[in-house]
C-alpha atoms as a PDB file:
ATOM      1  CA  MET A   1      23.433   9.318  91.092  1.00  0.00           C
ATOM      2  CA  ALA A   2      25.441   7.624  93.001  1.00  0.00           C
ATOM      3  CA  HIS A   3      28.605   9.837  95.448  1.00  0.00           C
ATOM      4  CA  LYS A   4      31.644   8.849  93.870  1.00  0.00           C
ATOM      5  CA  LYS A   5      35.003   9.274  96.452  1.00  0.00           C
ATOM      6  CA  GLU A   6      37.283  10.867  95.269  1.00  0.00           C
ATOM      7  CA  ASN A   7      40.884   9.343  95.322  1.00  0.00           C
ATOM      8  CA  ASN A   8      44.497  10.062  93.358  1.00  0.00           C
ATOM      9  CA  ASN A   9      43.598   7.321  90.463  1.00  0.00           C
ATOM     10  CA  ASN A  10      40.791   8.787  88.899  1.00  0.00           C
ATOM     11  CA  ASN A  11      41.030   6.144  86.139  1.00  0.00           C
ATOM     12  CA  ASP A  12      40.306   3.263  87.967  1.00  0.00           C
ATOM     13  CA  ASP A  13      37.943   4.412  89.441  1.00  0.00           C
ATOM     14  CA  ASP A  14      36.261   5.070  86.016  1.00  0.00           C
ATOM     15  CA  HIS A  15      36.637   2.224  84.731  1.00  0.00           C
ATOM     16  CA  THR A  16      34.931   0.628  88.394  1.00  0.00           C
ATOM     17  CA  GLN A  17      31.884   2.855  87.705  1.00  0.00           C
ATOM     18  CA  LYS A  18      31.776   1.750  84.183  1.00  0.00           C
ATOM     19  CA  ARG A  19      31.641  -1.726  85.152  1.00  0.00           C
ATOM     20  CA  VAL A  20      29.005  -1.306  87.415  1.00  0.00           C
ATOM     21  CA  GLU A  21      26.466   0.421  85.172  1.00  0.00           C
ATOM     22  CA  ASN A  22      27.482  -2.211  82.871  1.00  0.00           C
ATOM     23  CA  GLY A  23      26.309  -5.374  85.078  1.00  0.00           C
ATOM     24  CA  ASP A  24      29.459  -6.779  85.254  1.00  0.00           C
ATOM     25  CA  GLU A  25      30.501  -6.048  88.856  1.00  0.00           C
ATOM     26  CA  LEU A  26      27.982  -5.031  92.174  1.00  0.00           C
ATOM     27  CA  PRO A  27      28.456  -2.246  93.618  1.00  0.00           C
ATOM     28  CA  LEU A  28      29.033  -4.011  97.170  1.00  0.00           C
ATOM     29  CA  MET A  29      31.648  -3.084  99.635  1.00  0.00           C
ATOM     30  CA  SER A  30      31.380  -4.758 103.088  1.00  0.00           C
ATOM     31  CA  LEU A  31      29.430  -6.852 105.703  1.00  0.00           C
ATOM     32  CA  ASN A  32      27.134  -4.930 106.921  1.00  0.00           C
ATOM     33  CA  HIS A  33      25.186  -6.868 109.343  1.00  0.00           C
ATOM     34  CA  ILE A  34      24.014 -10.245 110.255  1.00  0.00           C
ATOM     35  CA  SER A  35      20.504 -10.720 111.922  1.00  0.00           C
ATOM     36  CA  ARG A  36      19.756 -12.896 114.874  1.00  0.00           C
ATOM     37  CA  VAL A  37      16.328 -14.052 116.130  1.00  0.00           C
ATOM     38  CA  CYS A  38      16.232 -14.043 119.907  1.00  0.00           C
ATOM     39  CA  LYS A  39      14.539 -15.743 123.018  1.00  0.00           C
ATOM     40  CA  SER A  40      15.297 -12.638 124.770  1.00  0.00           C
ATOM     41  CA  VAL A  41      17.125  -9.528 123.439  1.00  0.00           C
ATOM     42  CA  ASN A  42      18.777  -8.952 126.728  1.00  0.00           C
ATOM     43  CA  ASP A  43      20.099 -12.316 127.026  1.00  0.00           C
ATOM     44  CA  SER A  44      21.848 -11.806 123.778  1.00  0.00           C
ATOM     45  CA  VAL A  45      23.286  -8.319 124.355  1.00  0.00           C
ATOM     46  CA  GLU A  46      24.400  -9.067 127.698  1.00  0.00           C
ATOM     47  CA  PHE A  47      26.053 -12.179 125.551  1.00  0.00           C
ATOM     48  CA  TYR A  48      27.946 -10.173 122.123  1.00  0.00           C
ATOM     49  CA  THR A  49      28.615  -6.833 124.877  1.00  0.00           C
ATOM     50  CA  LYS A  50      30.162  -9.027 127.454  1.00  0.00           C
ATOM     51  CA  ALA A  51      32.041 -12.044 125.695  1.00  0.00           C
ATOM     52  CA  LEU A  52      32.763 -10.023 122.400  1.00  0.00           C
ATOM     53  CA  GLY A  53      32.750  -6.770 123.144  1.00  0.00           C
ATOM     54  CA  PHE A  54      30.350  -5.424 120.738  1.00  0.00           C
ATOM     55  CA  VAL A  55      27.976  -2.202 122.235  1.00  0.00           C
ATOM     56  CA  LEU A  56      24.657  -1.625 122.115  1.00  0.00           C
ATOM     57  CA  ILE A  57      23.930   0.987 119.794  1.00  0.00           C
ATOM     58  CA  GLU A  58      20.263   2.736 119.297  1.00  0.00           C
ATOM     59  CA  ARG A  59      18.107   1.545 116.540  1.00  0.00           C
ATOM     60  CA  PRO A  60      16.135   3.394 114.198  1.00  0.00           C
ATOM     61  CA  LYS A  61      12.596   4.304 116.148  1.00  0.00           C
ATOM     62  CA  ALA A  62      10.416   3.815 113.040  1.00  0.00           C
ATOM     63  CA  LEU A  63      11.740  -0.298 114.201  1.00  0.00           C
ATOM     64  CA  ASP A  64       8.154  -0.614 115.981  1.00  0.00           C
ATOM     65  CA  PHE A  65       9.619  -4.147 116.933  1.00  0.00           C
ATOM     66  CA  ASP A  66      11.959  -5.412 119.882  1.00  0.00           C
ATOM     67  CA  GLY A  67      14.880  -5.831 119.096  1.00  0.00           C
ATOM     68  CA  ALA A  68      18.389  -4.755 119.931  1.00  0.00           C
ATOM     69  CA  TRP A  69      21.518  -2.861 117.483  1.00  0.00           C
ATOM     70  CA  LEU A  70      24.803  -4.038 118.128  1.00  0.00           C
ATOM     71  CA  PHE A  71      28.369  -2.682 116.348  1.00  0.00           C
ATOM     72  CA  ASN A  72      32.286  -2.972 116.638  1.00  0.00           C
ATOM     73  CA  TYR A  73      35.063  -3.986 114.728  1.00  0.00           C
ATOM     74  CA  GLY A  74      33.807  -3.088 111.147  1.00  0.00           C
ATOM     75  CA  ILE A  75      30.658  -5.548 111.912  1.00  0.00           C
ATOM     76  CA  GLY A  76      26.852  -5.302 113.180  1.00  0.00           C
ATOM     77  CA  ILE A  77      24.664  -7.803 114.629  1.00  0.00           C
ATOM     78  CA  HIS A  78      20.797  -6.861 114.641  1.00  0.00           C
ATOM     79  CA  LEU A  79      19.264  -8.481 117.159  1.00  0.00           C
ATOM     80  CA  VAL A  80      14.910 -10.025 116.358  1.00  0.00           C
ATOM     81  CA  GLN A  81      12.920 -10.787 119.864  1.00  0.00           C
ATOM     82  CA  SER A  82      11.300 -14.411 118.416  1.00  0.00           C
ATOM     83  CA  LYS A  83       7.754 -14.365 117.381  1.00  0.00           C
ATOM     84  CA  ASP A  84       8.169 -18.143 117.280  1.00  0.00           C
ATOM     85  CA  GLU A  85      11.032 -20.434 118.970  1.00  0.00           C
ATOM     86  CA  ASP A  86      11.249 -22.903 116.935  1.00  0.00           C
ATOM     87  CA  LYS A  87      12.809 -20.570 114.258  1.00  0.00           C
ATOM     88  CA  LEU A  88      15.612 -21.583 116.674  1.00  0.00           C
ATOM     89  CA  PRO A  89      17.925 -23.562 116.542  1.00  0.00           C
ATOM     90  CA  ASN A  90      17.455 -27.062 118.246  1.00  0.00           C
ATOM     91  CA  ASN A  91      20.622 -28.718 118.228  1.00  0.00           C
ATOM     92  CA  HIS A  92      23.009 -27.349 120.263  1.00  0.00           C
ATOM     93  CA  GLU A  93      25.896 -29.672 119.727  1.00  0.00           C
ATOM     94  CA  LEU A  94      29.590 -28.027 118.503  1.00  0.00           C
ATOM     95  CA  ASP A  95      29.763 -29.259 114.633  1.00  0.00           C
ATOM     96  CA  PRO A  96      32.328 -26.620 112.368  1.00  0.00           C
ATOM     97  CA  MET A  97      30.275 -28.212 109.686  1.00  0.00           C
ATOM     98  CA  ASP A  98      27.413 -26.610 110.556  1.00  0.00           C
ATOM     99  CA  ASN A  99      26.335 -23.265 109.284  1.00  0.00           C
ATOM    100  CA  HIS A 100      28.592 -20.263 111.498  1.00  0.00           C
ATOM    101  CA  ILE A 101      29.255 -16.783 111.583  1.00  0.00           C
ATOM    102  CA  SER A 102      33.253 -16.474 112.422  1.00  0.00           C
ATOM    103  CA  PHE A 103      35.259 -13.469 113.492  1.00  0.00           C
ATOM    104  CA  GLN A 104      39.251 -13.217 113.214  1.00  0.00           C
ATOM    105  CA  CYS A 105      41.043 -12.860 116.254  1.00  0.00           C
ATOM    106  CA  GLU A 106      44.684 -11.322 116.741  1.00  0.00           C
ATOM    107  CA  ASP A 107      44.788 -13.751 120.365  1.00  0.00           C
ATOM    108  CA  MET A 108      43.289 -16.908 120.458  1.00  0.00           C
ATOM    109  CA  GLU A 109      45.020 -17.432 123.885  1.00  0.00           C
ATOM    110  CA  ALA A 110      43.598 -14.657 125.954  1.00  0.00           C
ATOM    111  CA  LEU A 111      39.395 -14.495 124.141  1.00  0.00           C
ATOM    112  CA  GLU A 112      39.772 -18.770 125.164  1.00  0.00           C
ATOM    113  CA  ARG A 113      40.801 -17.276 128.490  1.00  0.00           C
ATOM    114  CA  LYS A 114      37.465 -15.314 128.579  1.00  0.00           C
ATOM    115  CA  LEU A 115      35.003 -17.111 127.639  1.00  0.00           C
ATOM    116  CA  LYS A 116      36.189 -19.918 129.704  1.00  0.00           C
ATOM    117  CA  GLU A 117      35.841 -17.470 132.346  1.00  0.00           C
ATOM    118  CA  ARG A 118      32.062 -16.440 131.420  1.00  0.00           C
ATOM    119  CA  GLY A 119      32.138 -20.219 130.982  1.00  0.00           C
ATOM    120  CA  ILE A 120      31.548 -20.636 127.848  1.00  0.00           C
ATOM    121  CA  LYS A 121      31.253 -23.468 126.512  1.00  0.00           C
ATOM    122  CA  CYS A 122      33.944 -24.128 123.105  1.00  0.00           C
ATOM    123  CA  MET A 123      35.898 -26.826 121.008  1.00  0.00           C
ATOM    124  CA  LYS A 124      38.747 -25.628 120.741  1.00  0.00           C
ATOM    125  CA  ARG A 125      40.509 -27.520 117.151  1.00  0.00           C
ATOM    126  CA  THR A 126      43.764 -26.200 114.685  1.00  0.00           C
ATOM    127  CA  VAL A 127      43.486 -27.162 111.542  1.00  0.00           C
ATOM    128  CA  GLY A 128      45.695 -27.274 108.481  1.00  0.00           C
ATOM    129  CA  GLY A 129      49.726 -27.128 108.402  1.00  0.00           C
ATOM    130  CA  LYS A 130      52.145 -25.739 107.029  1.00  0.00           C
ATOM    131  CA  GLU A 131      52.404 -25.649 103.249  1.00  0.00           C
ATOM    132  CA  ASP A 132      48.329 -24.255 103.425  1.00  0.00           C
ATOM    133  CA  GLY A 133      49.148 -22.191 106.747  1.00  0.00           C
ATOM    134  CA  GLU A 134      47.872 -22.991 109.692  1.00  0.00           C
ATOM    135  CA  ILE A 135      44.239 -22.216 111.613  1.00  0.00           C
ATOM    136  CA  ASP A 136      43.392 -22.107 115.316  1.00  0.00           C
ATOM    137  CA  GLN A 137      39.523 -21.550 115.620  1.00  0.00           C
ATOM    138  CA  LEU A 138      37.319 -21.422 118.904  1.00  0.00           C
ATOM    139  CA  PHE A 139      33.501 -22.743 117.931  1.00  0.00           C
ATOM    140  CA  PHE A 140      30.646 -21.664 121.164  1.00  0.00           C
ATOM    141  CA  ASN A 141      26.898 -20.902 120.648  1.00  0.00           C
ATOM    142  CA  ASP A 142      25.494 -18.079 121.694  1.00  0.00           C
ATOM    143  CA  PRO A 143      22.335 -17.823 123.604  1.00  0.00           C
ATOM    144  CA  ASP A 144      19.495 -19.626 121.698  1.00  0.00           C
ATOM    145  CA  GLY A 145      22.078 -22.140 120.055  1.00  0.00           C
ATOM    146  CA  PHE A 146      23.507 -20.106 117.161  1.00  0.00           C
ATOM    147  CA  MET A 147      27.195 -20.958 116.804  1.00  0.00           C
ATOM    148  CA  ILE A 148      29.956 -18.649 116.698  1.00  0.00           C
ATOM    149  CA  GLU A 149      33.973 -19.747 115.483  1.00  0.00           C
ATOM    150  CA  ILE A 150      36.795 -17.055 116.335  1.00  0.00           C
ATOM    151  CA  CYS A 151      39.561 -17.770 113.627  1.00  0.00           C
ATOM    152  CA  ASN A 152      42.924 -16.671 113.062  1.00  0.00           C
ATOM    153  CA  CYS A 153      42.179 -17.355 109.304  1.00  0.00           C
ATOM    154  CA  GLU A 154      44.868 -14.968 108.690  1.00  0.00           C
ATOM    155  CA  ASN A 155      46.950 -17.266 108.500  1.00  0.00           C
ATOM    156  CA  VAL A 156      46.302 -18.924 105.150  1.00  0.00           C
ATOM    157  CA  LYS A 157      46.264 -17.023 101.896  1.00  0.00           C
ATOM    158  CA  LEU A 158      43.253 -16.837  99.845  1.00  0.00           C
ATOM    159  CA  LYS A 159      44.711 -17.709  96.682  1.00  0.00           C
ATOM    160  CA  PRO A 160      41.830 -16.729  93.847  1.00  0.00           C
ATOM    161  CA  MET A 161      40.474 -19.424  91.510  1.00  0.00           C
ATOM    162  CA  GLY A 162      39.887 -16.998  88.732  1.00  0.00           C
ATOM    163  CA  SER A 163      40.617 -13.147  87.379  1.00  0.00           C
ATOM    164  CA  ILE A 164      42.135 -11.243  90.402  1.00  0.00           C
ATOM    165  CA  GLY A 165      40.155  -8.275  88.850  1.00  0.00           C
ATOM    166  CA  ARG A 166      37.245  -9.488  91.116  1.00  0.00           C
ATOM    167  CA  LEU A 167      38.165  -9.561  94.073  1.00  0.00           C
ATOM    168  CA  LYS A 168      37.855  -6.048  96.013  1.00  0.00           C
ATOM    169  CA  LEU A 169      39.581  -5.706  99.280  1.00  0.00           C
ATOM    170  CA  PRO A 170      38.793  -2.009 100.972  1.00  0.00           C
ATOM    171  CA  LEU A 171      42.092  -0.220 101.692  1.00  0.00           C
ATOM    172  CA  ASP A 172      40.954   0.910 105.081  1.00  0.00           C
ATOM    173  CA  LYS A 173      39.427  -2.399 106.116  1.00  0.00           C
ATOM    174  CA  HIS A 174      41.647  -5.677 107.654  1.00  0.00           C
ATOM    175  CA  ASN A 175      41.924  -7.927 105.316  1.00  0.00           C
ATOM    176  CA  PRO A 176      43.058 -11.567 104.598  1.00  0.00           C
ATOM    177  CA  PRO A 177      46.096 -11.518 102.374  1.00  0.00           C
ATOM    178  CA  VAL A 178      46.346 -12.647  98.956  1.00  0.00           C
ATOM    179  CA  GLU A 179      48.713 -15.129  96.726  1.00  0.00           C
ATOM    180  CA  LEU A 180      49.098 -13.162  93.757  1.00  0.00           C
ATOM    181  CA  ASP A 181      50.182 -14.742  91.364  1.00  0.00           C
ATOM    182  CA  SER A 182      51.419 -14.506  87.822  1.00  0.00           C
ATOM    183  CA  ASN A 183      48.766 -16.549  85.830  1.00  0.00           C
ATOM    184  CA  ALA A 184      45.590 -15.167  88.084  1.00  0.00           C
ATOM    185  CA  ALA A 185      47.399 -11.106  87.543  1.00  0.00           C
ATOM    186  CA  LYS A 186      47.396 -11.910  83.685  1.00  0.00           C
ATOM    187  CA  ALA A 187      44.107 -12.888  83.932  1.00  0.00           C
ATOM    188  CA  SER A 188      42.551  -9.856  85.431  1.00  0.00           C
END
């Protein structure tokens, strides 16, 4: 039986547990990690620790292949030594409409300075406007060509297009603002 957190509102926990047991809801909690295949695990460790502030952590001894685990900001990055370089990106162009991972940032100017100091080529843009919120974005590649975005996406409210009751926001973590209109609240 799964361990259940105790809090002051057991009725909500009981209701959630019943929905999980009935298959109405998945018992997911948050993003645990992303995994990246690398030409050089050492080069990627240096990039993610020095450019983005991740911390190298011990991997389980049972993992008998070359790699590294990094963690910070509640996010894990697992690096795996490539055995086939054909699996790595071959296009290092910065295209915001392509696959990428994105990190929320509190100080875009400070991060941009740090990237420039490290000689990391980046694309800067601003999207949105006063009505929806303005987002500043920086796009750049890691040593293997995987694109990364840094943004202040918190400037845009999430507006659920259905039942707000299905949206799970961990109370102990940083979350984007969510717009709760009366129709969404009634639909839940």
